[in-house]
Structures are given as C-alpha cells and as structure tokens.
Amino acid sequence: MDESTKAGGFAYLFEKFPSFSQTFCFREVAEMRRQGIKCPVYSIREPSGEPAQDFPEGLREAIMYLPACFHEWTGSVRHRRKTLQHTVPKMVKRWGDEVEKRRIHEALWLAEDFKRRGICHVHAHFAGLAARTAYWLNDLHGVSYSFTAHANDVFCDEPKHRLETMVAQAKVIATETEYSRKFLQDLFPKHAGKVYRTYNGIDIGRFRPGAEKSAPPVIISVGRYIEKKGFADLITACARLKDLSFVCQIVGRGPLEEELKNQAAAMGVADRVQITGPRSESDIIEMLSRASLFVLPCVKSCDGGSDNLPTVIMEAMAMALPVISTPIAGVPEMVIDGQTGYLIPEHDPDALARSMRDILSDPARAGEFGKAGRALAEGRFDIARTVQTLRDVLAQHEAFLPPSRSILSSFWS
C-alpha cells in the first residue's frame, strides 16, 4: 500500500527541503513519521551549497523533488496550456502580476502525483512560495491545504492582500507562538477561528546537559549572520567586558560574516569573539554542552522583520544554559526574565554586557537559570508533544483524517 494512503492522504510541501537554516522542519517531518504518519514530502527546489547536516535516517528517501524545468514534463501539454490561459489572468486579478505563474505549473504537476497517491491535503511551512503553490493546487483541483506561519513571512515579506487570499482559503493556519497567533488574528479577524498556536519542537533526548564546562567560560550564539540576530550588539557587549576572561563563539553563516569579523577586529576583541561559520547539529550540541551562557540579542530589522521563536534558544535551554535575549515577538514565551535568564532591551549593548557579567560572575545563579530553562523546554518544546498538537489541530479541521476509498474516488473523479 502507498505510504500516503496509510498516512490518510496527507503530504508536506516545502520550498526547499531539507534546509540547514530550517532544522525545525525536518525534525517535525521525522517526528510525524516516527508517530506512524508516513507522509510523503515534496520539495519545489533541491538544496544546494548547504553545509553538512545530521538529517534523520530514512528521511531523504521520502522526498520527491519537483522538476526544475516543466518544459520536459510529459504531462498533458494541451491541458496545461488551457489551464494557464484561464488561470494566469485570474492570478493577475488577485495578486497583481503574473510573475508567480510557475506556481500554476507546480500545482498541475503535484495534482497528477497527488491523484496517483490519493493525497487530499497538503501542509506547507512558511506563508511563502510553497504555500502559494498549495493555494493554486486548491484553486484548480480542490486539494485542501494548511500552512505554518513563522516570522518574516507574515511580519513583512508577504504582501497583505496576497497573504489574505491564502489565509482565507486555508483550512488551518498554524503559527509558532502566541505572539504571532494574535498578530494574525488581529490582521485577519474574519479568519481568526482557524489560526492556532503550535510551537516548534526539538528532540529533548538529543540534548543532554552535563559535560565539563570549558575554561575560560564560553559564551555561545547561533544563527544566520543577518541584522535581526543582533550579533553586532553582542560583539559590542563583549568589548565592554575586556576585564573578564571568556570566549564568545558565534556560529552560523550569512551575508554579514565579514562585517562581523571586521567589527570584532576594530573593537579589539578578535582574539575572543570567534565568527566560526556553520556547524552541524551534533557539533552545535557539543559546543552548547561546554558553554556557560547562550546569548541571542534579537532586534527588529530595518524592514520590520524579526525573529519569532528562535529554535536555538530552546536548544540552549534544553542544554540547561542560562539565556540572554530580547523581548522580541515570541521570545518571552521561551526566556522568562529572572527565571531562565534575562530579557534586555534591543539595541542596548550596555544592558547586554551587564547581564552577561552578572551571569558569568555568579555560577550558582547561572545554574538555577539553566535548571529552570531545561524544565521549561521539556514541558513546552518536546517535539513529541508539539507534533501531537499539530496533528490534533489538523484533525479538528478534517485535514488529517484517513479517507475511505470511496471518498478518494469521489475526490479525484
């Protein structure tokens, strides 16, 4: 029997999968499959130039990549041309231009494969390219869809009028924090009833605190080298602490790498602030285990973008590290000020330096923060729990129910 039939006619659709910067996506799929939902995974693009990662065993075999060029597709050329002729003007009317017409090709290709596999519902991550393809799959063939909204995809990237069309047609919109749930419900009050908070999760069992700490103490931060991560403020804060002995490791990759290295050199801390580049998940876990403090001073970027629920913070909490961050979006749902770490104002390297000094100079307090953070991570962000929440939400809206053969026949007739 086809895996998708056993899964209840459910599949995932991603823009690019698996991706180094979206570990929460492949963790969710792997856990969904561990729980017995053998859902196929479709990816519109193949990853390229990605750092080596520890992807779960067997996951790559579940992935189906869409054609890079649809000119070579052997599907019905006549049907596609006819569909494009009447659908592209509809797209222009709704979304303002036809630059998205590749989404129609993708939807038609998926429709053929979904029919073969008996797939009736598709779930995407991010209110972006994959969700837009799912929208046209629904428009043209009635395949229902849902998506998980994250951060910039709804905060600033997706035009409101286009986002509203996708929200209106979706069965369910999951989003990763209470902050973003309220944001979307306020933005689209008519559709508030189908917006749910479903946290991203981590495999708590992979994060085991207890390794011997490095000396001198290590401050660690992880994320893309982009404005909203606040790494420039972290480097400035480190420069305020030249009297302390420590090493700060900033793990990731991105367009600001050279700028951050130059800043560290200009401030005289290049010897203690290491811009390490990317590392695998296993490497990051090892680095977290030997660190004394995790810092991610998130900020709102110039275009209004921000983090929402940085996965690396829950990973640090799971490793029983005290955490310093800022009260941006959903971060306060992770870092409880004065209990699991400190929340400091964004763009305030002086306050950041004071908080870093406080934790580095008080190991007992650091231990209390770390213990409380581990307990919160176990109770709120264990992936078995978060995936079950998503499954419950989808099932509540009949997006995740095993269809009978008669329903499948009727659906695709």
Protein backbone atom coordinates (compact mmCIF):
# COMPACT_ATOMS: atom_id res chain seq x y z
CA MET A 1 0.00 0.00 0.00
CA ASP A 2 1.27 3.50 -0.81
CA GLU A 3 2.64 5.40 2.18
CA SER A 4 0.34 8.37 1.54
CA THR A 5 -2.74 6.15 1.76
CA LYS A 6 -1.58 4.85 5.14
CA ALA A 7 -0.98 8.47 6.14
CA GLY A 8 -4.57 9.45 5.46
CA GLY A 9 -3.96 11.29 2.19
CA PHE A 10 -1.63 13.82 3.85
CA ALA A 11 1.63 15.25 2.48
CA TYR A 12 4.13 18.00 3.17
CA LEU A 13 5.19 20.64 0.64
CA PHE A 14 8.32 22.78 1.09
CA GLU A 15 10.07 25.37 -0.99
CA LYS A 16 13.45 23.76 -0.20
CA PHE A 17 13.93 20.66 1.90
CA PRO A 18 15.92 19.79 3.93
CA SER A 19 17.50 23.14 4.73
CA PHE A 20 20.33 23.98 7.12
CA SER A 21 18.53 27.07 8.41
CA GLN A 22 15.20 25.28 8.93
CA THR A 23 16.05 22.33 11.14
CA PHE A 24 12.63 22.60 12.81
CA CYS A 25 11.04 21.48 9.52
CA PHE A 26 12.86 18.21 9.09
CA ARG A 27 12.53 17.49 12.81
CA GLU A 28 8.75 17.87 12.53
CA VAL A 29 8.55 15.59 9.49
CA ALA A 30 10.78 12.99 11.13
CA GLU A 31 8.65 13.01 14.29
CA MET A 32 5.44 12.84 12.27
CA ARG A 33 6.80 9.73 10.59
CA ARG A 34 8.02 8.31 13.91
CA GLN A 35 4.46 8.64 15.17
CA GLY A 36 3.30 6.46 12.29
CA ILE A 37 2.23 9.11 9.77
CA LYS A 38 4.20 8.01 6.70
CA CYS A 39 3.58 11.26 4.86
CA PRO A 40 5.41 11.88 1.59
CA VAL A 41 7.44 15.07 1.37
CA TYR A 42 7.50 17.28 -1.73
CA SER A 43 10.14 19.94 -2.25
CA ILE A 44 9.89 22.53 -5.02
CA ARG A 45 13.64 23.10 -5.06
CA GLU A 46 16.63 20.94 -4.24
CA PRO A 47 19.02 22.38 -1.65
CA SER A 48 22.44 23.38 -2.99
CA GLY A 49 25.53 24.65 -1.24
CA GLU A 50 24.20 23.51 2.14
CA PRO A 51 26.60 22.68 4.99
CA ALA A 52 26.76 19.04 6.07
CA GLN A 53 23.96 18.17 8.49
CA ASP A 54 22.79 15.21 10.57
CA PHE A 55 19.49 14.53 8.88
CA PRO A 56 17.35 11.74 10.36
CA GLU A 57 17.89 8.31 8.81
CA GLY A 58 15.48 7.47 6.02
CA LEU A 59 14.14 11.00 5.65
CA ARG A 60 15.78 11.76 2.30
CA GLU A 61 14.15 8.70 0.77
CA ALA A 62 10.71 10.20 1.48
CA ILE A 63 11.41 13.37 -0.54
CA MET A 64 10.08 13.96 -4.04
CA TYR A 65 11.60 16.95 -5.87
CA LEU A 66 9.57 18.80 -8.47
CA PRO A 67 11.06 19.26 -11.95
CA ALA A 68 13.43 22.18 -12.31
CA CYS A 69 12.01 22.78 -15.78
CA PHE A 70 8.45 21.93 -16.76
CA HIS A 71 9.16 22.02 -20.50
CA GLU A 72 10.36 18.41 -20.22
CA TRP A 73 7.36 17.25 -18.20
CA THR A 74 5.45 14.52 -20.03
CA GLY A 75 2.08 15.50 -18.55
CA SER A 76 -0.72 16.78 -20.76
CA VAL A 77 0.73 19.79 -22.59
CA ARG A 78 -2.66 20.72 -24.02
CA HIS A 79 -4.30 20.63 -20.56
CA ARG A 80 -1.54 22.76 -19.05
CA ARG A 81 -1.75 25.37 -21.79
CA LYS A 82 -5.51 25.60 -21.47
CA THR A 83 -5.26 25.88 -17.68
CA LEU A 84 -2.61 28.59 -17.90
CA GLN A 85 -4.71 30.58 -20.38
CA HIS A 86 -7.60 30.99 -17.96
CA THR A 87 -5.65 30.88 -14.67
CA VAL A 88 -2.91 33.48 -15.30
CA PRO A 89 -5.47 36.32 -15.79
CA LYS A 90 -7.11 35.17 -12.55
CA MET A 91 -3.71 35.33 -10.85
CA VAL A 92 -3.10 38.85 -12.15
CA LYS A 93 -6.51 39.96 -10.89
CA ARG A 94 -5.92 38.53 -7.42
CA TRP A 95 -2.20 39.10 -6.90
CA GLY A 96 -1.40 41.94 -9.28
CA ASP A 97 1.03 40.29 -11.70
CA GLU A 98 1.87 37.04 -13.43
CA VAL A 99 5.44 36.55 -12.13
CA GLU A 100 4.05 33.75 -9.97
CA LYS A 101 2.79 31.68 -12.91
CA ARG A 102 5.35 28.93 -12.19
CA ARG A 103 3.17 28.17 -9.15
CA ILE A 104 0.47 27.03 -11.58
CA HIS A 105 2.89 24.62 -13.30
CA GLU A 106 3.87 23.28 -9.87
CA ALA A 107 0.23 22.88 -8.84
CA LEU A 108 -0.62 20.95 -12.01
CA TRP A 109 2.38 18.65 -11.62
CA LEU A 110 1.50 18.00 -7.98
CA ALA A 111 -2.14 17.33 -8.84
CA GLU A 112 -1.13 14.44 -11.09
CA ASP A 113 1.11 12.91 -8.42
CA PHE A 114 -1.39 13.53 -5.62
CA LYS A 115 -4.11 11.77 -7.60
CA ARG A 116 -1.86 8.74 -8.07
CA ARG A 117 -1.09 8.62 -4.34
CA GLY A 118 -4.53 9.53 -3.07
CA ILE A 119 -3.38 12.72 -1.35
CA CYS A 120 -6.20 15.08 -0.36
CA HIS A 121 -4.43 17.54 1.95
CA VAL A 122 -1.03 19.24 1.92
CA HIS A 123 0.76 21.17 4.67
CA ALA A 124 3.40 23.83 3.96
CA HIS A 125 5.81 25.70 6.19
CA PHE A 126 6.01 29.49 5.84
CA ALA A 127 3.43 31.70 4.16
CA GLY A 128 5.68 31.84 1.13
CA LEU A 129 6.36 30.09 -2.14
CA ALA A 130 5.19 26.61 -1.12
CA ALA A 131 2.00 27.96 0.43
CA ARG A 132 1.29 29.90 -2.75
CA THR A 133 1.67 26.70 -4.78
CA ALA A 134 -0.70 24.97 -2.35
CA TYR A 135 -3.17 27.82 -2.85
CA TRP A 136 -3.31 27.21 -6.63
CA LEU A 137 -3.47 23.46 -6.10
CA ASN A 138 -6.58 24.13 -4.05
CA ASP A 139 -7.98 26.61 -6.56
CA LEU A 140 -7.51 24.32 -9.54
CA HIS A 141 -8.13 20.88 -8.04
CA GLY A 142 -9.72 21.39 -4.63
CA VAL A 143 -6.84 19.87 -2.66
CA SER A 144 -7.13 21.36 0.81
CA TYR A 145 -4.11 22.92 2.44
CA SER A 146 -2.78 24.35 5.66
CA PHE A 147 0.44 26.11 6.50
CA THR A 148 2.60 27.05 9.45
CA ALA A 149 3.39 30.77 9.58
CA HIS A 150 6.71 31.64 11.16
CA ALA A 151 8.17 35.14 11.30
CA ASN A 152 9.14 37.44 8.44
CA ASP A 153 6.87 35.52 6.07
CA VAL A 154 3.88 37.15 7.80
CA PHE A 155 5.53 40.08 9.61
CA CYS A 156 6.88 41.78 6.50
CA ASP A 157 7.68 39.59 3.46
CA GLU A 158 4.29 38.58 2.12
CA PRO A 159 2.06 41.40 0.78
CA LYS A 160 -1.07 41.63 2.92
CA HIS A 161 -3.53 41.23 0.03
CA ARG A 162 -1.84 38.03 -1.17
CA LEU A 163 -1.44 36.69 2.35
CA GLU A 164 -5.14 37.30 2.98
CA THR A 165 -6.14 35.17 -0.02
CA MET A 166 -4.01 32.30 1.27
CA VAL A 167 -5.37 32.63 4.80
CA ALA A 168 -8.96 32.74 3.51
CA GLN A 169 -8.63 29.50 1.51
CA ALA A 170 -6.55 27.51 4.01
CA LYS A 171 -8.26 25.01 6.30
CA VAL A 172 -5.89 25.79 9.16
CA ILE A 173 -3.12 28.27 9.86
CA ALA A 174 -0.66 27.12 12.48
CA THR A 175 1.84 29.58 13.88
CA GLU A 176 4.68 29.07 16.27
CA THR A 177 3.90 31.49 19.14
CA GLU A 178 1.05 33.16 20.97
CA TYR A 179 2.50 36.45 19.73
CA SER A 180 2.15 35.52 16.05
CA ARG A 181 -1.23 33.87 16.64
CA LYS A 182 -2.59 37.17 17.98
CA PHE A 183 -0.80 39.08 15.20
CA LEU A 184 -2.56 37.06 12.51
CA GLN A 185 -5.93 37.07 14.27
CA ASP A 186 -5.78 40.86 14.58
CA LEU A 187 -4.65 41.20 10.96
CA PHE A 188 -7.43 38.95 9.60
CA PRO A 189 -10.23 38.96 12.21
CA LYS A 190 -12.68 37.21 9.85
CA HIS A 191 -10.42 34.17 9.85
CA ALA A 192 -9.29 34.27 13.48
CA GLY A 193 -11.03 30.99 14.29
CA LYS A 194 -8.67 28.90 12.18
CA VAL A 195 -5.40 30.35 13.49
CA TYR A 196 -3.72 28.19 16.13
CA ARG A 197 -0.51 28.32 18.11
CA THR A 198 1.60 25.19 17.64
CA TYR A 199 5.13 25.54 18.96
CA ASN A 200 8.10 24.21 17.04
CA GLY A 201 9.78 21.42 18.93
CA ILE A 202 13.10 19.72 19.50
CA ASP A 203 14.09 16.16 20.32
CA ILE A 204 14.79 16.73 24.01
CA GLY A 205 16.58 13.37 24.21
CA ARG A 206 19.36 14.64 21.93
CA PHE A 207 20.18 17.49 24.30
CA ARG A 208 21.79 16.13 27.44
CA PRO A 209 23.45 18.62 29.79
CA GLY A 210 26.31 17.55 31.98
CA ALA A 211 29.59 17.89 30.06
CA GLU A 212 32.50 19.61 31.71
CA LYS A 213 32.46 23.36 31.03
CA SER A 214 35.26 24.99 29.08
CA ALA A 215 37.75 27.27 30.73
CA PRO A 216 37.79 30.17 30.21
CA PRO A 217 33.96 30.35 30.07
CA VAL A 218 32.38 30.15 26.63
CA ILE A 219 29.51 32.39 25.55
CA ILE A 220 27.77 30.89 22.52
CA SER A 221 25.33 32.27 19.97
CA VAL A 222 23.90 30.57 16.87
CA GLY A 223 22.05 31.98 13.87
CA ARG A 224 22.31 33.41 10.38
CA TYR A 225 24.66 36.34 10.07
CA ILE A 226 21.91 38.86 9.41
CA GLU A 227 20.72 42.04 11.08
CA LYS A 228 17.81 40.67 13.10
CA LYS A 229 20.02 38.31 15.11
CA GLY A 230 21.68 41.27 16.85
CA PHE A 231 25.22 39.92 16.58
CA ALA A 232 26.64 43.44 16.20
CA ASP A 233 25.26 44.27 19.67
CA LEU A 234 26.76 41.07 21.06
CA ILE A 235 30.21 41.96 19.76
CA THR A 236 29.89 45.48 21.20
CA ALA A 237 28.85 44.00 24.56
CA CYS A 238 31.88 41.70 24.51
CA ALA A 239 34.08 44.75 24.00
CA ARG A 240 32.61 46.19 27.23
CA LEU A 241 33.85 43.14 29.15
CA LYS A 242 37.56 43.18 28.37
CA ASP A 243 38.34 42.77 32.07
CA LEU A 244 36.67 39.35 32.11
CA SER A 245 38.14 36.12 30.80
CA PHE A 246 35.84 34.43 28.27
CA VAL A 247 35.46 33.32 24.65
CA CYS A 248 32.41 34.16 22.54
CA GLN A 249 31.57 31.81 19.67
CA ILE A 250 29.06 32.98 17.04
CA VAL A 251 28.01 30.03 14.87
CA GLY A 252 26.26 30.38 11.52
CA ARG A 253 26.65 31.81 8.06
CA GLY A 254 25.24 34.71 6.09
CA PRO A 255 25.91 37.99 4.30
CA LEU A 256 27.26 39.85 7.35
CA GLU A 257 30.09 37.43 8.11
CA GLU A 258 32.95 39.67 7.00
CA GLU A 259 31.31 42.72 8.56
CA LEU A 260 31.09 40.97 11.93
CA LYS A 261 34.72 39.84 11.72
CA ASN A 262 35.80 43.38 10.88
CA GLN A 263 33.78 44.78 13.78
CA ALA A 264 35.40 42.37 16.23
CA ALA A 265 38.85 43.35 14.94
CA ALA A 266 38.08 47.09 15.08
CA MET A 267 36.87 46.77 18.69
CA GLY A 268 39.94 44.81 19.73
CA VAL A 269 38.14 41.57 20.57
CA ALA A 270 39.02 39.42 17.55
CA ASP A 271 41.01 37.17 19.88
CA ARG A 272 37.96 36.32 21.97
CA VAL A 273 35.00 36.70 19.56
CA GLN A 274 35.08 33.81 17.09
CA ILE A 275 32.90 34.00 13.96
CA THR A 276 33.03 30.26 13.44
CA GLY A 277 30.91 29.71 10.32
CA PRO A 278 28.34 26.89 10.13
CA ARG A 279 28.44 23.70 12.20
CA SER A 280 26.38 20.50 12.12
CA GLU A 281 23.68 19.93 14.72
CA SER A 282 25.92 17.41 16.51
CA ASP A 283 28.75 19.93 16.62
CA ILE A 284 26.42 22.62 17.98
CA ILE A 285 25.15 20.29 20.70
CA GLU A 286 28.74 19.59 21.72
CA MET A 287 29.55 23.32 21.76
CA LEU A 288 26.43 24.06 23.84
CA SER A 289 27.37 21.32 26.32
CA ARG A 290 30.68 23.03 27.11
CA ALA A 291 29.37 26.62 27.10
CA SER A 292 28.42 28.62 30.19
CA LEU A 293 25.98 31.08 28.61
CA PHE A 294 23.82 31.43 25.49
CA VAL A 295 23.13 34.91 24.08
CA LEU A 296 20.92 35.91 21.15
CA PRO A 297 20.13 39.66 21.29
CA CYS A 298 17.40 39.68 18.60
CA VAL A 299 16.37 43.01 17.08
CA LYS A 300 13.80 44.24 14.59
CA SER A 301 15.48 44.80 11.24
CA CYS A 302 15.08 47.90 9.12
CA ASP A 303 12.36 46.27 7.00
CA GLY A 304 10.30 45.37 10.08
CA GLY A 305 11.38 41.75 10.17
CA SER A 306 12.22 39.93 13.37
CA ASP A 307 12.69 36.53 14.86
CA ASN A 308 9.66 34.88 16.41
CA LEU A 309 10.66 31.64 18.15
CA PRO A 310 14.38 31.01 17.53
CA THR A 311 14.91 27.27 17.78
CA VAL A 312 18.45 27.73 19.04
CA ILE A 313 17.12 29.29 22.24
CA MET A 314 15.08 26.19 23.09
CA GLU A 315 18.14 24.07 22.26
CA ALA A 316 20.25 26.11 24.68
CA MET A 317 17.54 25.82 27.34
CA ALA A 318 17.42 22.05 26.80
CA MET A 319 21.16 22.01 27.50
CA ALA A 320 20.46 23.79 30.82
CA LEU A 321 22.18 27.00 29.75
CA PRO A 322 21.11 30.39 31.07
CA VAL A 323 19.89 32.51 28.16
CA ILE A 324 20.03 36.25 27.47
CA SER A 325 17.81 37.62 24.72
CA THR A 326 15.39 40.46 23.99
CA PRO A 327 11.58 40.72 24.35
CA ILE A 328 11.02 40.42 20.59
CA ALA A 329 7.86 38.64 19.32
CA GLY A 330 7.63 35.18 20.89
CA VAL A 331 10.99 35.18 22.69
CA PRO A 332 9.34 35.89 26.09
CA GLU A 333 7.45 32.62 25.64
CA MET A 334 10.85 30.93 25.88
CA VAL A 335 13.03 33.11 28.08
CA ILE A 336 11.34 34.00 31.36
CA ASP A 337 13.10 37.10 32.68
CA GLY A 338 14.74 36.43 36.03
CA GLN A 339 13.86 32.70 35.92
CA THR A 340 15.55 31.11 32.91
CA GLY A 341 17.78 34.06 32.04
CA TYR A 342 17.41 37.74 31.23
CA LEU A 343 15.47 39.76 28.68
CA ILE A 344 17.21 43.04 27.88
CA PRO A 345 16.07 45.90 25.59
CA GLU A 346 17.00 45.50 21.94
CA HIS A 347 19.94 47.57 20.65
CA ASP A 348 21.27 48.04 24.21
CA PRO A 349 24.78 46.53 24.32
CA ASP A 350 25.44 48.15 27.72
CA ALA A 351 22.47 46.34 29.29
CA LEU A 352 23.56 43.18 27.48
CA ALA A 353 27.08 43.48 28.88
CA ARG A 354 25.74 43.96 32.42
CA SER A 355 23.57 40.85 32.15
CA MET A 356 26.45 38.81 30.70
CA ARG A 357 28.70 39.97 33.56
CA ASP A 358 26.04 39.10 36.12
CA ILE A 359 25.70 35.51 34.90
CA LEU A 360 29.40 34.86 34.27
CA SER A 361 30.27 36.10 37.77
CA ASP A 362 27.57 34.09 39.57
CA PRO A 363 27.76 30.35 38.71
CA ALA A 364 25.05 29.49 41.27
CA ARG A 365 22.54 31.81 39.61
CA ALA A 366 23.57 30.55 36.19
CA GLY A 367 22.86 27.01 37.38
CA GLU A 368 19.41 27.97 38.67
CA PHE A 369 18.55 29.66 35.38
CA GLY A 370 19.77 26.64 33.42
CA LYS A 371 17.79 24.16 35.51
CA ALA A 372 14.60 26.21 35.09
CA GLY A 373 15.22 26.52 31.35
CA ARG A 374 15.64 22.77 30.96
CA ALA A 375 12.35 22.17 32.78
CA LEU A 376 10.54 24.68 30.56
CA ALA A 377 11.99 23.14 27.39
CA GLU A 378 10.88 19.67 28.47
CA GLY A 379 7.36 20.81 29.27
CA ARG A 380 6.75 23.15 26.33
CA PHE A 381 9.04 22.26 23.42
CA ASP A 382 9.39 18.47 23.37
CA ILE A 383 8.75 17.59 19.74
CA ALA A 384 6.55 14.58 20.51
CA ARG A 385 4.19 16.99 22.26
CA THR A 386 4.34 19.77 19.65
CA VAL A 387 3.73 17.41 16.72
CA GLN A 388 0.78 15.85 18.52
CA THR A 389 -0.65 19.35 18.97
CA LEU A 390 -0.33 19.99 15.23
CA ARG A 391 -1.95 16.63 14.46
CA ASP A 392 -4.85 17.44 16.79
CA VAL A 393 -5.41 20.82 15.14
CA LEU A 394 -5.35 19.33 11.64
CA ALA A 395 -7.70 16.52 12.65
CA GLN A 396 -10.08 19.02 14.27
CA HIS A 397 -10.45 20.69 10.88
CA GLU A 398 -10.69 17.38 9.00
CA ALA A 399 -7.35 17.95 7.32
CA PHE A 400 -5.81 14.84 8.81
CA LEU A 401 -8.41 12.10 8.73
CA PRO A 402 -7.85 8.81 6.88
CA PRO A 403 -10.10 8.99 3.81
CA SER A 404 -12.01 5.91 2.70
CA ARG A 405 -11.51 4.53 -0.79
CA SER A 406 -14.93 5.86 -1.79
CA ILE A 407 -14.00 9.35 -0.63
CA LEU A 408 -10.75 9.21 -2.55
CA SER A 409 -12.52 8.03 -5.69
CA SER A 410 -15.08 10.81 -5.39
CA PHE A 411 -12.43 13.43 -4.63
CA TRP A 412 -10.29 12.67 -7.71
CA SER A 413 -13.10 11.76 -10.13
